[in-house]
Amino acid sequence: MACAPVSIAPEGQRADIVVGQLDIDMSAFAGIRGRSFTRTPAQVEADLRAALENVPARSGPANTALSVKIGRIDLVSPGQALLIGGTSAMSAQIVLIDQASRTQVTSPQDVIFLSERTRFGGIIGAATSPSAANDYQQSINGFANRTYKAIYGSPPAS
């Protein structure tokens, strides 16, 4: 079943948005689930900030702040990988804010963005599952890339 693309910014405003400030809120962070892997909220914040800052940015004078309130990270467990496969994911609430006036450009939107990698079910899926650390990093990177796409309507340029 395919999911409809998520759009954070209205199509008519996308061309004018240049994200220059990144606000990450960990107050609602419910942790990492599915696999035995531990990161403190501060580490998750730093990892996500680095991934979002690593996504190629639109050039021009910065005018928008991206506010991200992290919910949780769900990694595909080994049992799930063996039985049915799946894709790890991150949930968050995202809002764009005008940097000058500090008013919301968009209303807060709850999103769930998938990892960069899907695992097939069965023995092959279990055997080819990444380590918990790699699965986590792929989820962080997938979230960053999908956030960019949801703002600008296209994937980031490589």
C-alpha atoms as a PDB file:
ATOM      1  CA  MET A   1       0.000   0.000   0.000  1.00  0.00           C
ATOM      2  CA  ALA A   2       1.559   3.298  -1.066  1.00  0.00           C
ATOM      3  CA  CYS A   3       1.436   6.384   1.085  1.00  0.00           C
ATOM      4  CA  ALA A   4       0.584   9.796  -0.279  1.00  0.00           C
ATOM      5  CA  PRO A   5       3.509  12.226  -0.240  1.00  0.00           C
ATOM      6  CA  VAL A   6       3.585  14.499   2.783  1.00  0.00           C
ATOM      7  CA  SER A   7       3.633  18.216   2.074  1.00  0.00           C
ATOM      8  CA  ILE A   8       4.603  20.542   4.893  1.00  0.00           C
ATOM      9  CA  ALA A   9       4.738  23.790   2.933  1.00  0.00           C
ATOM     10  CA  PRO A  10       1.926  24.933   0.659  1.00  0.00           C
ATOM     11  CA  GLU A  11       2.911  24.541  -2.991  1.00  0.00           C
ATOM     12  CA  GLY A  12       2.684  28.286  -3.674  1.00  0.00           C
ATOM     13  CA  GLN A  13       5.094  29.096  -0.826  1.00  0.00           C
ATOM     14  CA  ARG A  14       7.755  26.440  -1.473  1.00  0.00           C
ATOM     15  CA  ALA A  15       9.831  28.592  -3.819  1.00  0.00           C
ATOM     16  CA  ASP A  16      10.152  31.335  -1.190  1.00  0.00           C
ATOM     17  CA  ILE A  17      11.235  29.147   1.744  1.00  0.00           C
ATOM     18  CA  VAL A  18      14.889  29.048   2.701  1.00  0.00           C
ATOM     19  CA  VAL A  19      15.417  27.256   6.001  1.00  0.00           C
ATOM     20  CA  GLY A  20      18.082  28.992   8.031  1.00  0.00           C
ATOM     21  CA  GLN A  21      17.319  28.010  11.589  1.00  0.00           C
ATOM     22  CA  LEU A  22      16.733  24.570  13.035  1.00  0.00           C
ATOM     23  CA  ASP A  23      14.889  24.088  16.332  1.00  0.00           C
ATOM     24  CA  ILE A  24      14.765  20.518  17.652  1.00  0.00           C
ATOM     25  CA  ASP A  25      12.538  19.834  20.655  1.00  0.00           C
ATOM     26  CA  MET A  26      13.107  16.564  22.512  1.00  0.00           C
ATOM     27  CA  SER A  27      10.498  17.145  25.260  1.00  0.00           C
ATOM     28  CA  ALA A  28       8.079  14.577  23.761  1.00  0.00           C
ATOM     29  CA  PHE A  29      10.749  11.985  22.884  1.00  0.00           C
ATOM     30  CA  ALA A  30       9.424   8.529  23.782  1.00  0.00           C
ATOM     31  CA  GLY A  31      12.650   6.702  23.012  1.00  0.00           C
ATOM     32  CA  ILE A  32      13.863   4.109  20.546  1.00  0.00           C
ATOM     33  CA  ARG A  33      11.732   0.997  20.205  1.00  0.00           C
ATOM     34  CA  GLY A  34      12.046  -2.360  18.499  1.00  0.00           C
ATOM     35  CA  ARG A  35      15.743  -3.065  18.994  1.00  0.00           C
ATOM     36  CA  SER A  36      18.231  -2.920  21.794  1.00  0.00           C
ATOM     37  CA  PHE A  37      19.887   0.389  21.007  1.00  0.00           C
ATOM     38  CA  THR A  38      20.294   3.308  23.360  1.00  0.00           C
ATOM     39  CA  ARG A  39      20.827   6.989  22.603  1.00  0.00           C
ATOM     40  CA  THR A  40      20.166   9.812  25.027  1.00  0.00           C
ATOM     41  CA  PRO A  41      17.800  12.576  23.922  1.00  0.00           C
ATOM     42  CA  ALA A  42      20.834  14.862  23.543  1.00  0.00           C
ATOM     43  CA  GLN A  43      22.538  12.324  21.262  1.00  0.00           C
ATOM     44  CA  VAL A  44      19.399  11.882  19.133  1.00  0.00           C
ATOM     45  CA  GLU A  45      19.096  15.660  18.858  1.00  0.00           C
ATOM     46  CA  ALA A  46      22.735  15.991  17.779  1.00  0.00           C
ATOM     47  CA  ASP A  47      22.401  13.143  15.254  1.00  0.00           C
ATOM     48  CA  LEU A  48      19.232  14.603  13.747  1.00  0.00           C
ATOM     49  CA  ARG A  49      20.692  18.121  13.642  1.00  0.00           C
ATOM     50  CA  ALA A  50      23.767  16.812  11.805  1.00  0.00           C
ATOM     51  CA  ALA A  51      21.611  14.877   9.312  1.00  0.00           C
ATOM     52  CA  LEU A  52      19.315  17.848   8.641  1.00  0.00           C
ATOM     53  CA  GLU A  53      22.284  20.193   8.245  1.00  0.00           C
ATOM     54  CA  ASN A  54      23.896  17.694   5.857  1.00  0.00           C
ATOM     55  CA  VAL A  55      20.919  17.748   3.462  1.00  0.00           C
ATOM     56  CA  PRO A  56      21.754  20.117   0.592  1.00  0.00           C
ATOM     57  CA  ALA A  57      20.153  23.447   1.431  1.00  0.00           C
ATOM     58  CA  ARG A  58      18.374  25.844  -0.863  1.00  0.00           C
ATOM     59  CA  SER A  59      20.499  28.929  -1.425  1.00  0.00           C
ATOM     60  CA  GLY A  60      19.402  32.467  -0.706  1.00  0.00           C
ATOM     61  CA  PRO A  61      18.771  34.570   2.363  1.00  0.00           C
ATOM     62  CA  ALA A  62      17.412  32.433   5.192  1.00  0.00           C
ATOM     63  CA  ASN A  63      13.860  33.361   6.120  1.00  0.00           C
ATOM     64  CA  THR A  64      12.350  30.288   7.772  1.00  0.00           C
ATOM     65  CA  ALA A  65      12.972  28.251  10.908  1.00  0.00           C
ATOM     66  CA  LEU A  66      12.264  24.528  10.857  1.00  0.00           C
ATOM     67  CA  SER A  67      10.875  23.364  14.186  1.00  0.00           C
ATOM     68  CA  VAL A  68      10.926  19.598  14.806  1.00  0.00           C
ATOM     69  CA  LYS A  69       9.429  17.995  17.928  1.00  0.00           C
ATOM     70  CA  ILE A  70      10.603  14.383  17.988  1.00  0.00           C
ATOM     71  CA  GLY A  71       8.133  11.703  19.081  1.00  0.00           C
ATOM     72  CA  ARG A  72       9.867   8.346  18.814  1.00  0.00           C
ATOM     73  CA  ILE A  73      12.025   6.123  16.663  1.00  0.00           C
ATOM     74  CA  ASP A  74      10.708   2.664  15.764  1.00  0.00           C
ATOM     75  CA  LEU A  75      13.368   0.262  14.503  1.00  0.00           C
ATOM     76  CA  VAL A  76      12.349  -3.009  12.850  1.00  0.00           C
ATOM     77  CA  SER A  77      12.943  -5.737  15.429  1.00  0.00           C
ATOM     78  CA  PRO A  78      14.773  -8.948  14.488  1.00  0.00           C
ATOM     79  CA  GLY A  79      11.516 -10.901  14.950  1.00  0.00           C
ATOM     80  CA  GLN A  80       9.619  -8.536  12.666  1.00  0.00           C
ATOM     81  CA  ALA A  81      12.413  -8.729  10.097  1.00  0.00           C
ATOM     82  CA  LEU A  82      12.174 -12.526  10.154  1.00  0.00           C
ATOM     83  CA  LEU A  83       8.375 -12.745  10.025  1.00  0.00           C
ATOM     84  CA  ILE A  84       7.148  -9.888   7.855  1.00  0.00           C
ATOM     85  CA  GLY A  85       9.968  -7.427   7.227  1.00  0.00           C
ATOM     86  CA  GLY A  86       9.248  -3.724   7.335  1.00  0.00           C
ATOM     87  CA  THR A  87      10.747  -0.276   7.467  1.00  0.00           C
ATOM     88  CA  SER A  88      12.005   1.593  10.502  1.00  0.00           C
ATOM     89  CA  ALA A  89      10.516   5.045  11.063  1.00  0.00           C
ATOM     90  CA  MET A  90      10.639   8.277  13.054  1.00  0.00           C
ATOM     91  CA  SER A  91       7.634  10.267  14.217  1.00  0.00           C
ATOM     92  CA  ALA A  92       7.643  13.987  14.865  1.00  0.00           C
ATOM     93  CA  GLN A  93       5.658  17.180  14.714  1.00  0.00           C
ATOM     94  CA  ILE A  94       7.001  19.704  12.211  1.00  0.00           C
ATOM     95  CA  VAL A  95       6.188  23.380  11.768  1.00  0.00           C
ATOM     96  CA  LEU A  96       7.769  26.128   9.660  1.00  0.00           C
ATOM     97  CA  ILE A  97       8.181  29.530  11.318  1.00  0.00           C
ATOM     98  CA  ASP A  98       8.945  32.901   9.742  1.00  0.00           C
ATOM     99  CA  GLN A  99      12.316  33.922  11.191  1.00  0.00           C
ATOM    100  CA  ALA A 100      11.608  37.661  11.191  1.00  0.00           C
ATOM    101  CA  SER A 101       8.148  37.722  12.767  1.00  0.00           C
ATOM    102  CA  ARG A 102       8.328  34.342  14.582  1.00  0.00           C
ATOM    103  CA  THR A 103       4.838  33.532  13.269  1.00  0.00           C
ATOM    104  CA  GLN A 104       3.942  30.107  11.962  1.00  0.00           C
ATOM    105  CA  VAL A 105       4.136  29.709   8.200  1.00  0.00           C
ATOM    106  CA  THR A 106       2.441  26.301   8.519  1.00  0.00           C
ATOM    107  CA  SER A 107       0.335  24.698  11.199  1.00  0.00           C
ATOM    108  CA  PRO A 108       2.062  21.926  13.180  1.00  0.00           C
ATOM    109  CA  GLN A 109       1.916  18.647  11.279  1.00  0.00           C
ATOM    110  CA  ASP A 110       2.380  15.193  12.733  1.00  0.00           C
ATOM    111  CA  VAL A 111       4.531  13.081  10.422  1.00  0.00           C
ATOM    112  CA  ILE A 112       6.008   9.609  10.324  1.00  0.00           C
ATOM    113  CA  PHE A 113       8.942   9.389   7.945  1.00  0.00           C
ATOM    114  CA  LEU A 114      10.496   6.072   6.943  1.00  0.00           C
ATOM    115  CA  SER A 115      14.076   4.902   7.009  1.00  0.00           C
ATOM    116  CA  GLU A 116      16.228   4.821   3.895  1.00  0.00           C
ATOM    117  CA  ARG A 117      15.993   1.020   3.823  1.00  0.00           C
ATOM    118  CA  THR A 118      13.139  -1.489   3.802  1.00  0.00           C
ATOM    119  CA  ARG A 119      13.700  -5.052   4.960  1.00  0.00           C
ATOM    120  CA  PHE A 120      12.056  -8.037   3.318  1.00  0.00           C
ATOM    121  CA  GLY A 121      10.515 -10.705   5.512  1.00  0.00           C
ATOM    122  CA  GLY A 122      11.845 -14.209   5.967  1.00  0.00           C
ATOM    123  CA  ILE A 123      15.323 -15.600   6.354  1.00  0.00           C
ATOM    124  CA  ILE A 124      16.780 -13.204   3.756  1.00  0.00           C
ATOM    125  CA  GLY A 125      15.291 -10.197   5.567  1.00  0.00           C
ATOM    126  CA  ALA A 126      16.644 -11.331   8.908  1.00  0.00           C
ATOM    127  CA  ALA A 127      20.055 -12.220   7.460  1.00  0.00           C
ATOM    128  CA  THR A 128      20.458  -8.892   5.676  1.00  0.00           C
ATOM    129  CA  SER A 129      19.195  -6.691   8.510  1.00  0.00           C
ATOM    130  CA  PRO A 130      21.613  -3.891   9.359  1.00  0.00           C
ATOM    131  CA  SER A 131      23.025  -3.548  12.840  1.00  0.00           C
ATOM    132  CA  ALA A 132      20.869  -1.579  15.273  1.00  0.00           C
ATOM    133  CA  ALA A 133      23.297   1.368  14.972  1.00  0.00           C
ATOM    134  CA  ASN A 134      23.081   1.347  11.151  1.00  0.00           C
ATOM    135  CA  ASP A 135      19.293   0.958  11.241  1.00  0.00           C
ATOM    136  CA  TYR A 136      19.094   3.958  13.591  1.00  0.00           C
ATOM    137  CA  GLN A 137      21.345   6.076  11.336  1.00  0.00           C
ATOM    138  CA  GLN A 138      19.360   5.104   8.232  1.00  0.00           C
ATOM    139  CA  SER A 139      16.199   6.195  10.064  1.00  0.00           C
ATOM    140  CA  ILE A 140      17.749   9.553  10.995  1.00  0.00           C
ATOM    141  CA  ASN A 141      18.967  10.110   7.413  1.00  0.00           C
ATOM    142  CA  GLY A 142      15.636   9.027   5.942  1.00  0.00           C
ATOM    143  CA  PHE A 143      13.835  11.475   8.228  1.00  0.00           C
ATOM    144  CA  ALA A 144      16.134  14.336   7.177  1.00  0.00           C
ATOM    145  CA  ASN A 145      15.749  13.621   3.448  1.00  0.00           C
ATOM    146  CA  ARG A 146      11.980  13.176   3.661  1.00  0.00           C
ATOM    147  CA  THR A 147      11.644  16.396   5.675  1.00  0.00           C
ATOM    148  CA  TYR A 148      13.411  18.269   2.877  1.00  0.00           C
ATOM    149  CA  LYS A 149      11.129  16.661   0.296  1.00  0.00           C
ATOM    150  CA  ALA A 150       8.032  17.531   2.343  1.00  0.00           C
ATOM    151  CA  ILE A 151       9.110  21.185   2.498  1.00  0.00           C
ATOM    152  CA  TYR A 152      10.280  21.670  -1.077  1.00  0.00           C
ATOM    153  CA  GLY A 153       8.317  19.000  -2.952  1.00  0.00           C
ATOM    154  CA  SER A 154      11.350  17.228  -4.356  1.00  0.00           C
ATOM    155  CA  PRO A 155      14.174  15.139  -2.951  1.00  0.00           C
ATOM    156  CA  PRO A 156      17.396  16.912  -2.041  1.00  0.00           C
ATOM    157  CA  ALA A 157      19.990  17.293  -4.781  1.00  0.00           C
ATOM    158  CA  SER A 158      23.005  15.073  -4.254  1.00  0.00           C
END
